[in-house]
């Protein structure tokens, strides 16, 4: 596999894991601020994934 493809897959997996943690935090905690934080981190990692994907296309 190419290095760029592996990096893209790892970024995507990291964002999915952050979203899973956010769902767990929203479901179990009474304070939803930690869930919101993990949701933002997952979205940021997903944005980095898209930037990395666009960079590797060129």
PDB file of N, CA and C in Angstrom:
ATOM      1  N   UNK A   1       0.830  -1.181   0.000  1.00  0.00           N
ATOM      2  CA  UNK A   1       0.000   0.000   0.000  1.00  0.00           C
ATOM      3  C   UNK A   1       0.878   1.249   0.000  1.00  0.00           C
ATOM      4  N   UNK A   2       0.359   2.277  -0.595  1.00  0.00           N
ATOM      5  CA  UNK A   2       1.082   3.534  -0.587  1.00  0.00           C
ATOM      6  C   UNK A   2       0.994   4.180   0.792  1.00  0.00           C
ATOM      7  N   UNK A   3       2.005   4.978   1.099  1.00  0.00           N
ATOM      8  CA  UNK A   3       2.056   5.634   2.407  1.00  0.00           C
ATOM      9  C   UNK A   3       0.856   6.561   2.609  1.00  0.00           C
ATOM     10  N   UNK A   4       0.459   7.281   1.561  1.00  0.00           N
ATOM     11  CA  UNK A   4      -0.672   8.201   1.667  1.00  0.00           C
ATOM     12  C   UNK A   4      -1.980   7.489   1.933  1.00  0.00           C
ATOM     13  N   UNK A   5      -2.140   6.307   1.339  1.00  0.00           N
ATOM     14  CA  UNK A   5      -3.378   5.548   1.539  1.00  0.00           C
ATOM     15  C   UNK A   5      -3.463   5.025   2.972  1.00  0.00           C
ATOM     16  N   UNK A   6      -2.346   4.572   3.505  1.00  0.00           N
ATOM     17  CA  UNK A   6      -2.319   4.081   4.885  1.00  0.00           C
ATOM     18  C   UNK A   6      -2.622   5.222   5.856  1.00  0.00           C
ATOM     19  N   UNK A   7      -2.044   6.383   5.602  1.00  0.00           N
ATOM     20  CA  UNK A   7      -2.286   7.541   6.459  1.00  0.00           C
ATOM     21  C   UNK A   7      -3.753   7.931   6.436  1.00  0.00           C
ATOM     22  N   UNK A   8      -4.365   7.907   5.254  1.00  0.00           N
ATOM     23  CA  UNK A   8      -5.777   8.240   5.133  1.00  0.00           C
ATOM     24  C   UNK A   8      -6.643   7.260   5.910  1.00  0.00           C
ATOM     25  N   UNK A   9      -6.336   5.982   5.820  1.00  0.00           N
ATOM     26  CA  UNK A   9      -7.102   4.968   6.547  1.00  0.00           C
ATOM     27  C   UNK A   9      -6.948   5.150   8.057  1.00  0.00           C
ATOM     28  N   UNK A  10      -5.745   5.483   8.509  1.00  0.00           N
ATOM     29  CA  UNK A  10      -5.522   5.678   9.944  1.00  0.00           C
ATOM     30  C   UNK A  10      -6.234   6.922  10.466  1.00  0.00           C
ATOM     31  N   UNK A  11      -6.227   8.014   9.682  1.00  0.00           N
ATOM     32  CA  UNK A  11      -6.979   9.211  10.071  1.00  0.00           C
ATOM     33  C   UNK A  11      -8.470   8.897  10.181  1.00  0.00           C
ATOM     34  N   UNK A  12      -8.986   8.153   9.205  1.00  0.00           N
ATOM     35  CA  UNK A  12     -10.406   7.804   9.215  1.00  0.00           C
ATOM     36  C   UNK A  12     -10.747   6.930  10.420  1.00  0.00           C
ATOM     37  N   UNK A  13      -9.884   5.961  10.718  1.00  0.00           N
ATOM     38  CA  UNK A  13     -10.119   5.088  11.867  1.00  0.00           C
ATOM     39  C   UNK A  13     -10.078   5.879  13.172  1.00  0.00           C
ATOM     40  N   UNK A  14      -9.161   6.839  13.270  1.00  0.00           N
ATOM     41  CA  UNK A  14      -9.068   7.658  14.478  1.00  0.00           C
ATOM     42  C   UNK A  14     -10.324   8.508  14.658  1.00  0.00           C
ATOM     43  N   UNK A  15     -10.855   9.038  13.556  1.00  0.00           N
ATOM     44  CA  UNK A  15     -12.067   9.849  13.679  1.00  0.00           C
ATOM     45  C   UNK A  15     -13.261   8.989  14.083  1.00  0.00           C
ATOM     46  N   UNK A  16     -13.355   7.787  13.544  1.00  0.00           N
ATOM     47  CA  UNK A  16     -14.444   6.874  13.923  1.00  0.00           C
ATOM     48  C   UNK A  16     -14.347   6.533  15.406  1.00  0.00           C
ATOM     49  N   UNK A  17     -13.139   6.263  15.891  1.00  0.00           N
ATOM     50  CA  UNK A  17     -12.968   5.948  17.313  1.00  0.00           C
ATOM     51  C   UNK A  17     -13.340   7.139  18.202  1.00  0.00           C
ATOM     52  N   UNK A  18     -13.007   8.345  17.771  1.00  0.00           N
ATOM     53  CA  UNK A  18     -13.396   9.535  18.544  1.00  0.00           C
ATOM     54  C   UNK A  18     -14.907   9.676  18.580  1.00  0.00           C
ATOM     55  N   UNK A  19     -15.578   9.388  17.458  1.00  0.00           N
ATOM     56  CA  UNK A  19     -17.038   9.451  17.439  1.00  0.00           C
ATOM     57  C   UNK A  19     -17.653   8.386  18.349  1.00  0.00           C
ATOM     58  N   UNK A  20     -17.055   7.211  18.399  1.00  0.00           N
ATOM     59  CA  UNK A  20     -17.559   6.150  19.284  1.00  0.00           C
ATOM     60  C   UNK A  20     -17.415   6.568  20.744  1.00  0.00           C
ATOM     61  N   UNK A  21     -16.274   7.156  21.087  1.00  0.00           N
ATOM     62  CA  UNK A  21     -16.071   7.639  22.460  1.00  0.00           C
ATOM     63  C   UNK A  21     -17.085   8.727  22.791  1.00  0.00           C
ATOM     64  N   UNK A  22     -17.363   9.618  21.828  1.00  0.00           N
ATOM     65  CA  UNK A  22     -18.346  10.675  22.056  1.00  0.00           C
ATOM     66  C   UNK A  22     -19.725  10.095  22.319  1.00  0.00           C
ATOM     67  N   UNK A  23     -20.103   9.074  21.558  1.00  0.00           N
ATOM     68  CA  UNK A  23     -21.409   8.435  21.763  1.00  0.00           C
ATOM     69  C   UNK A  23     -21.476   7.801  23.144  1.00  0.00           C
ATOM     70  N   UNK A  24     -20.401   7.146  23.548  1.00  0.00           N
ATOM     71  CA  UNK A  24     -20.369   6.515  24.872  1.00  0.00           C
ATOM     72  C   UNK A  24     -20.459   7.576  25.967  1.00  0.00           C
ATOM     73  N   UNK A  25     -19.731   8.678  25.795  1.00  0.00           N
ATOM     74  CA  UNK A  25     -19.765   9.749  26.799  1.00  0.00           C
ATOM     75  C   UNK A  25     -21.146  10.384  26.886  1.00  0.00           C
ATOM     76  N   UNK A  26     -21.799  10.603  25.736  1.00  0.00           N
ATOM     77  CA  UNK A  26     -23.151  11.174  25.757  1.00  0.00           C
ATOM     78  C   UNK A  26     -24.139  10.223  26.419  1.00  0.00           C
ATOM     79  N   UNK A  27     -23.961   8.911  26.224  1.00  0.00           N
ATOM     80  CA  UNK A  27     -24.908   7.929  26.747  1.00  0.00           C
ATOM     81  C   UNK A  27     -24.722   7.679  28.248  1.00  0.00           C
ATOM     82  N   UNK A  28     -23.494   7.797  28.743  1.00  0.00           N
ATOM     83  CA  UNK A  28     -23.246   7.396  30.128  1.00  0.00           C
ATOM     84  C   UNK A  28     -23.090   8.564  31.096  1.00  0.00           C
ATOM     85  N   UNK A  29     -22.581   9.691  30.639  1.00  0.00           N
ATOM     86  CA  UNK A  29     -22.333  10.811  31.550  1.00  0.00           C
ATOM     87  C   UNK A  29     -23.536  11.739  31.621  1.00  0.00           C
ATOM     88  N   UNK A  30     -23.729  12.315  32.786  1.00  0.00           N
ATOM     89  CA  UNK A  30     -24.773  13.329  32.917  1.00  0.00           C
ATOM     90  C   UNK A  30     -24.275  14.671  32.385  1.00  0.00           C
ATOM     91  N   UNK A  31     -22.965  14.894  32.439  1.00  0.00           N
ATOM     92  CA  UNK A  31     -22.359  16.104  31.896  1.00  0.00           C
ATOM     93  C   UNK A  31     -21.907  15.792  30.468  1.00  0.00           C
ATOM     94  N   UNK A  32     -22.482  16.472  29.501  1.00  0.00           N
ATOM     95  CA  UNK A  32     -22.205  16.135  28.099  1.00  0.00           C
ATOM     96  C   UNK A  32     -21.035  16.928  27.520  1.00  0.00           C
ATOM     97  N   UNK A  33     -20.308  17.659  28.345  1.00  0.00           N
ATOM     98  CA  UNK A  33     -19.210  18.461  27.803  1.00  0.00           C
ATOM     99  C   UNK A  33     -18.071  17.580  27.275  1.00  0.00           C
ATOM    100  N   UNK A  34     -17.793  16.479  27.935  1.00  0.00           N
ATOM    101  CA  UNK A  34     -16.738  15.580  27.444  1.00  0.00           C
ATOM    102  C   UNK A  34     -17.154  14.919  26.136  1.00  0.00           C
ATOM    103  N   UNK A  35     -18.416  14.596  26.013  1.00  0.00           N
ATOM    104  CA  UNK A  35     -18.902  14.034  24.753  1.00  0.00           C
ATOM    105  C   UNK A  35     -18.780  15.034  23.622  1.00  0.00           C
ATOM    106  N   UNK A  36     -19.078  16.293  23.922  1.00  0.00           N
ATOM    107  CA  UNK A  36     -18.929  17.345  22.919  1.00  0.00           C
ATOM    108  C   UNK A  36     -17.484  17.552  22.519  1.00  0.00           C
ATOM    109  N   UNK A  37     -16.591  17.434  23.498  1.00  0.00           N
ATOM    110  CA  UNK A  37     -15.170  17.583  23.203  1.00  0.00           C
ATOM    111  C   UNK A  37     -14.694  16.477  22.263  1.00  0.00           C
ATOM    112  N   UNK A  38     -15.083  15.229  22.552  1.00  0.00           N
ATOM    113  CA  UNK A  38     -14.685  14.112  21.699  1.00  0.00           C
ATOM    114  C   UNK A  38     -15.315  14.211  20.315  1.00  0.00           C
ATOM    115  N   UNK A  39     -16.519  14.761  20.240  1.00  0.00           N
ATOM    116  CA  UNK A  39     -17.162  14.966  18.949  1.00  0.00           C
ATOM    117  C   UNK A  39     -16.378  15.988  18.129  1.00  0.00           C
ATOM    118  N   UNK A  40     -15.927  17.050  18.759  1.00  0.00           N
ATOM    119  CA  UNK A  40     -15.121  18.060  18.061  1.00  0.00           C
ATOM    120  C   UNK A  40     -13.769  17.499  17.628  1.00  0.00           C
ATOM    121  N   UNK A  41     -13.149  16.704  18.481  1.00  0.00           N
ATOM    122  CA  UNK A  41     -11.868  16.097  18.116  1.00  0.00           C
ATOM    123  C   UNK A  41     -12.038  15.156  16.927  1.00  0.00           C
ATOM    124  N   UNK A  42     -13.101  14.359  16.935  1.00  0.00           N
ATOM    125  CA  UNK A  42     -13.358  13.461  15.804  1.00  0.00           C
ATOM    126  C   UNK A  42     -13.591  14.220  14.513  1.00  0.00           C
ATOM    127  N   UNK A  43     -14.293  15.341  14.597  1.00  0.00           N
ATOM    128  CA  UNK A  43     -14.528  16.159  13.406  1.00  0.00           C
ATOM    129  C   UNK A  43     -13.238  16.796  12.909  1.00  0.00           C
ATOM    130  N   UNK A  44     -12.390  17.238  13.824  1.00  0.00           N
ATOM    131  CA  UNK A  44     -11.109  17.822  13.429  1.00  0.00           C
ATOM    132  C   UNK A  44     -10.218  16.793  12.745  1.00  0.00           C
ATOM    133  N   UNK A  45     -10.187  15.588  13.279  1.00  0.00           N
ATOM    134  CA  UNK A  45      -9.379  14.534  12.666  1.00  0.00           C
ATOM    135  C   UNK A  45      -9.939  14.169  11.294  1.00  0.00           C
ATOM    136  N   UNK A  46     -11.256  14.169  11.156  1.00  0.00           N
ATOM    137  CA  UNK A  46     -11.861  13.887   9.857  1.00  0.00           C
ATOM    138  C   UNK A  46     -11.510  14.984   8.856  1.00  0.00           C
ATOM    139  N   UNK A  47     -11.472  16.234   9.285  1.00  0.00           N
ATOM    140  CA  UNK A  47     -11.050  17.325   8.400  1.00  0.00           C
ATOM    141  C   UNK A  47      -9.590  17.164   7.989  1.00  0.00           C
ATOM    142  N   UNK A  48      -8.743  16.757   8.919  1.00  0.00           N
ATOM    143  CA  UNK A  48      -7.348  16.497   8.576  1.00  0.00           C
ATOM    144  C   UNK A  48      -7.233  15.367   7.564  1.00  0.00           C
ATOM    145  N   UNK A  49      -8.113  14.387   7.677  1.00  0.00           N
ATOM    146  CA  UNK A  49      -8.134  13.275   6.732  1.00  0.00           C
ATOM    147  C   UNK A  49      -8.464  13.773   5.332  1.00  0.00           C
ATOM    148  N   UNK A  50      -9.444  14.651   5.220  1.00  0.00           N
ATOM    149  CA  UNK A  50      -9.831  15.178   3.906  1.00  0.00           C
ATOM    150  C   UNK A  50      -8.701  16.026   3.320  1.00  0.00           C
ATOM    151  N   UNK A  51      -8.056  16.841   4.148  1.00  0.00           N
ATOM    152  CA  UNK A  51      -6.934  17.646   3.671  1.00  0.00           C
ATOM    153  C   UNK A  51      -5.804  16.740   3.193  1.00  0.00           C
ATOM    154  N   UNK A  52      -5.517  15.702   3.953  1.00  0.00           N
ATOM    155  CA  UNK A  52      -4.468  14.757   3.580  1.00  0.00           C
ATOM    156  C   UNK A  52      -4.828  14.035   2.283  1.00  0.00           C
ATOM    157  N   UNK A  53      -6.072  13.682   2.129  1.00  0.00           N
ATOM    158  CA  UNK A  53      -6.522  12.999   0.915  1.00  0.00           C
ATOM    159  C   UNK A  53      -6.390  13.904  -0.298  1.00  0.00           C
ATOM    160  N   UNK A  54      -6.762  15.173  -0.154  1.00  0.00           N
ATOM    161  CA  UNK A  54      -6.647  16.119  -1.264  1.00  0.00           C
ATOM    162  C   UNK A  54      -5.180  16.378  -1.606  1.00  0.00           C
ATOM    163  N   UNK A  55      -4.327  16.427  -0.588  1.00  0.00           N
ATOM    164  CA  UNK A  55      -2.907  16.657  -0.813  1.00  0.00           C
ATOM    165  C   UNK A  55      -2.285  15.484  -1.577  1.00  0.00           C
ATOM    166  N   UNK A  56      -2.716  14.277  -1.288  1.00  0.00           N
ATOM    167  CA  UNK A  56      -2.153  13.100  -1.939  1.00  0.00           C
ATOM    168  C   UNK A  56      -2.674  12.910  -3.355  1.00  0.00           C
ATOM    169  N   UNK A  57      -3.795  13.534  -3.692  1.00  0.00           N
ATOM    170  CA  UNK A  57      -4.321  13.428  -5.046  1.00  0.00           C
ATOM    171  C   UNK A  57      -3.461  14.197  -6.040  1.00  0.00           C
ATOM    172  N   UNK A  58      -2.860  15.284  -5.574  1.00  0.00           N
ATOM    173  CA  UNK A  58      -2.079  16.143  -6.472  1.00  0.00           C
ATOM    174  C   UNK A  58      -0.724  15.578  -6.763  1.00  0.00           C
TER     175      UNK A  58
END
